[in-house]
Amino acid sequence: MESVLSAEQLEAELAQIQAEAIGWQALGDGAYLHAGDPDAQVIDIVGVVSADMADLNLVWLT
């Protein structure tokens, strides 16, 4: 018997795959880490991300 994902589960799975494909690491449900500057000592926590944040260390909470 195959399990079928709901539309919400499928959307969440797709968002996680897309985030990981561009360098975000899943930390847990709705939380991702992006290490844009391995030498930085600060990690910003954000709810919205944009391309101009590529050089920053971020935790993105969705």
N, C-alpha and C. Protein backbone atom coordinates (compact mmCIF):
# COMPACT_ATOMS: atom_id res chain seq x y z
N MET A 1 0.85 -1.18 0.00
CA MET A 1 0.00 0.00 0.00
C MET A 1 0.89 1.24 0.00
N GLU A 2 0.67 2.12 -0.94
CA GLU A 2 1.45 3.35 -1.04
C GLU A 2 0.81 4.44 -0.18
N SER A 3 1.65 5.27 0.43
CA SER A 3 1.11 6.42 1.15
C SER A 3 1.11 7.61 0.20
N VAL A 4 0.09 8.39 0.28
CA VAL A 4 -0.08 9.55 -0.58
C VAL A 4 0.06 10.80 0.27
N LEU A 5 0.87 11.74 -0.21
CA LEU A 5 1.05 12.99 0.51
C LEU A 5 -0.12 13.93 0.24
N SER A 6 -0.49 14.68 1.26
CA SER A 6 -1.50 15.71 1.07
C SER A 6 -0.86 16.86 0.30
N ALA A 7 -1.66 17.77 -0.19
CA ALA A 7 -1.14 18.93 -0.91
C ALA A 7 -0.20 19.75 -0.02
N GLU A 8 -0.53 19.89 1.26
CA GLU A 8 0.31 20.64 2.19
C GLU A 8 1.64 19.94 2.42
N GLN A 9 1.61 18.62 2.57
CA GLN A 9 2.83 17.86 2.77
C GLN A 9 3.72 17.92 1.53
N LEU A 10 3.11 17.81 0.37
CA LEU A 10 3.86 17.89 -0.88
C LEU A 10 4.51 19.26 -1.04
N GLU A 11 3.77 20.32 -0.72
CA GLU A 11 4.31 21.68 -0.81
C GLU A 11 5.48 21.87 0.16
N ALA A 12 5.36 21.36 1.37
CA ALA A 12 6.44 21.47 2.36
C ALA A 12 7.67 20.69 1.92
N GLU A 13 7.46 19.50 1.36
CA GLU A 13 8.57 18.68 0.87
C GLU A 13 9.28 19.38 -0.28
N LEU A 14 8.52 19.95 -1.20
CA LEU A 14 9.10 20.67 -2.33
C LEU A 14 9.89 21.89 -1.86
N ALA A 15 9.37 22.64 -0.89
CA ALA A 15 10.08 23.80 -0.35
C ALA A 15 11.40 23.37 0.28
N GLN A 16 11.42 22.25 0.99
CA GLN A 16 12.65 21.77 1.61
C GLN A 16 13.67 21.36 0.56
N ILE A 17 13.23 20.68 -0.48
CA ILE A 17 14.14 20.27 -1.56
C ILE A 17 14.72 21.49 -2.26
N GLN A 18 13.89 22.48 -2.53
CA GLN A 18 14.37 23.71 -3.18
C GLN A 18 15.37 24.44 -2.30
N ALA A 19 15.10 24.55 -1.02
CA ALA A 19 16.01 25.24 -0.10
C ALA A 19 17.36 24.53 -0.03
N GLU A 20 17.33 23.20 0.07
CA GLU A 20 18.58 22.44 0.14
C GLU A 20 19.37 22.55 -1.16
N ALA A 21 18.67 22.65 -2.29
CA ALA A 21 19.34 22.74 -3.59
C ALA A 21 20.13 24.04 -3.74
N ILE A 22 19.77 25.08 -3.02
CA ILE A 22 20.50 26.34 -3.12
C ILE A 22 21.37 26.61 -1.89
N GLY A 23 21.67 25.55 -1.14
CA GLY A 23 22.64 25.68 -0.05
C GLY A 23 22.08 25.81 1.35
N TRP A 24 20.77 25.76 1.52
CA TRP A 24 20.19 25.82 2.85
C TRP A 24 20.19 24.42 3.45
N GLN A 25 20.52 24.32 4.73
CA GLN A 25 20.53 23.02 5.42
C GLN A 25 19.33 22.98 6.38
N ALA A 26 18.53 21.95 6.25
CA ALA A 26 17.36 21.81 7.13
C ALA A 26 17.83 21.53 8.55
N LEU A 27 17.33 22.30 9.51
CA LEU A 27 17.63 22.09 10.93
C LEU A 27 16.49 21.36 11.63
N GLY A 28 15.33 21.46 11.07
CA GLY A 28 14.12 20.87 11.64
C GLY A 28 12.94 21.38 10.86
N ASP A 29 11.74 21.09 11.33
CA ASP A 29 10.55 21.55 10.63
C ASP A 29 10.53 23.07 10.55
N GLY A 30 10.60 23.60 9.34
CA GLY A 30 10.48 25.04 9.12
C GLY A 30 11.69 25.85 9.53
N ALA A 31 12.84 25.24 9.72
CA ALA A 31 14.06 25.96 10.12
C ALA A 31 15.22 25.52 9.23
N TYR A 32 15.91 26.50 8.64
CA TYR A 32 17.01 26.22 7.72
C TYR A 32 18.20 27.10 8.08
N LEU A 33 19.41 26.57 7.83
CA LEU A 33 20.65 27.30 8.06
C LEU A 33 21.34 27.55 6.73
N HIS A 34 21.81 28.78 6.54
CA HIS A 34 22.62 29.12 5.36
C HIS A 34 23.92 29.74 5.87
N ALA A 35 25.05 29.12 5.53
CA ALA A 35 26.36 29.63 5.93
C ALA A 35 26.98 30.35 4.73
N GLY A 36 26.74 31.64 4.63
CA GLY A 36 27.26 32.43 3.52
C GLY A 36 28.67 32.91 3.76
N ASP A 37 29.07 33.03 5.02
CA ASP A 37 30.40 33.49 5.37
C ASP A 37 30.92 32.65 6.53
N PRO A 38 31.72 31.63 6.23
CA PRO A 38 32.18 30.74 7.30
C PRO A 38 33.05 31.42 8.36
N ASP A 39 33.56 32.60 8.08
CA ASP A 39 34.40 33.31 9.04
C ASP A 39 33.60 34.27 9.92
N ALA A 40 32.34 34.49 9.61
CA ALA A 40 31.51 35.42 10.39
C ALA A 40 31.20 34.83 11.76
N GLN A 41 31.03 35.70 12.74
CA GLN A 41 30.73 35.25 14.10
C GLN A 41 29.27 35.49 14.48
N VAL A 42 28.47 35.96 13.52
CA VAL A 42 27.07 36.28 13.78
C VAL A 42 26.18 35.46 12.86
N ILE A 43 25.09 34.94 13.41
CA ILE A 43 24.07 34.27 12.62
C ILE A 43 22.77 35.04 12.85
N ASP A 44 22.22 35.60 11.78
CA ASP A 44 20.96 36.34 11.87
C ASP A 44 19.80 35.36 11.76
N ILE A 45 18.73 35.63 12.50
CA ILE A 45 17.52 34.83 12.42
C ILE A 45 16.49 35.66 11.68
N VAL A 46 15.96 35.10 10.58
CA VAL A 46 15.04 35.85 9.74
C VAL A 46 13.79 35.03 9.43
N GLY A 47 12.74 35.73 9.04
CA GLY A 47 11.51 35.08 8.62
C GLY A 47 11.31 35.17 7.12
N VAL A 48 12.02 36.11 6.49
CA VAL A 48 11.95 36.30 5.04
C VAL A 48 13.37 36.42 4.54
N VAL A 49 13.68 35.74 3.45
CA VAL A 49 15.03 35.81 2.89
C VAL A 49 14.97 36.39 1.48
N SER A 50 16.11 36.93 1.04
CA SER A 50 16.22 37.45 -0.31
C SER A 50 17.62 37.17 -0.84
N ALA A 51 17.79 37.31 -2.13
CA ALA A 51 19.07 36.99 -2.78
C ALA A 51 20.21 37.84 -2.27
N ASP A 52 19.94 39.07 -1.84
CA ASP A 52 21.03 39.93 -1.37
C ASP A 52 21.59 39.51 -0.01
N MET A 53 21.04 38.47 0.57
CA MET A 53 21.53 37.94 1.85
C MET A 53 22.51 36.78 1.65
N ALA A 54 22.93 36.52 0.42
CA ALA A 54 23.74 35.34 0.09
C ALA A 54 25.06 35.27 0.85
N ASP A 55 25.63 36.40 1.25
CA ASP A 55 26.92 36.42 1.94
C ASP A 55 26.77 36.42 3.46
N LEU A 56 25.58 36.22 3.96
CA LEU A 56 25.34 36.25 5.40
C LEU A 56 25.12 34.85 5.93
N ASN A 57 25.33 34.69 7.22
CA ASN A 57 24.97 33.45 7.92
C ASN A 57 23.56 33.66 8.49
N LEU A 58 22.64 32.80 8.10
CA LEU A 58 21.23 33.01 8.46
C LEU A 58 20.61 31.73 8.97
N VAL A 59 19.66 31.89 9.89
CA VAL A 59 18.71 30.84 10.22
C VAL A 59 17.37 31.39 9.76
N TRP A 60 16.72 30.64 8.87
CA TRP A 60 15.45 31.04 8.28
C TRP A 60 14.35 30.22 8.91
N LEU A 61 13.41 30.88 9.56
CA LEU A 61 12.27 30.21 10.19
C LEU A 61 11.04 30.47 9.34
N THR A 62 10.46 29.39 8.83
CA THR A 62 9.30 29.53 7.96
C THR A 62 8.02 29.24 8.69
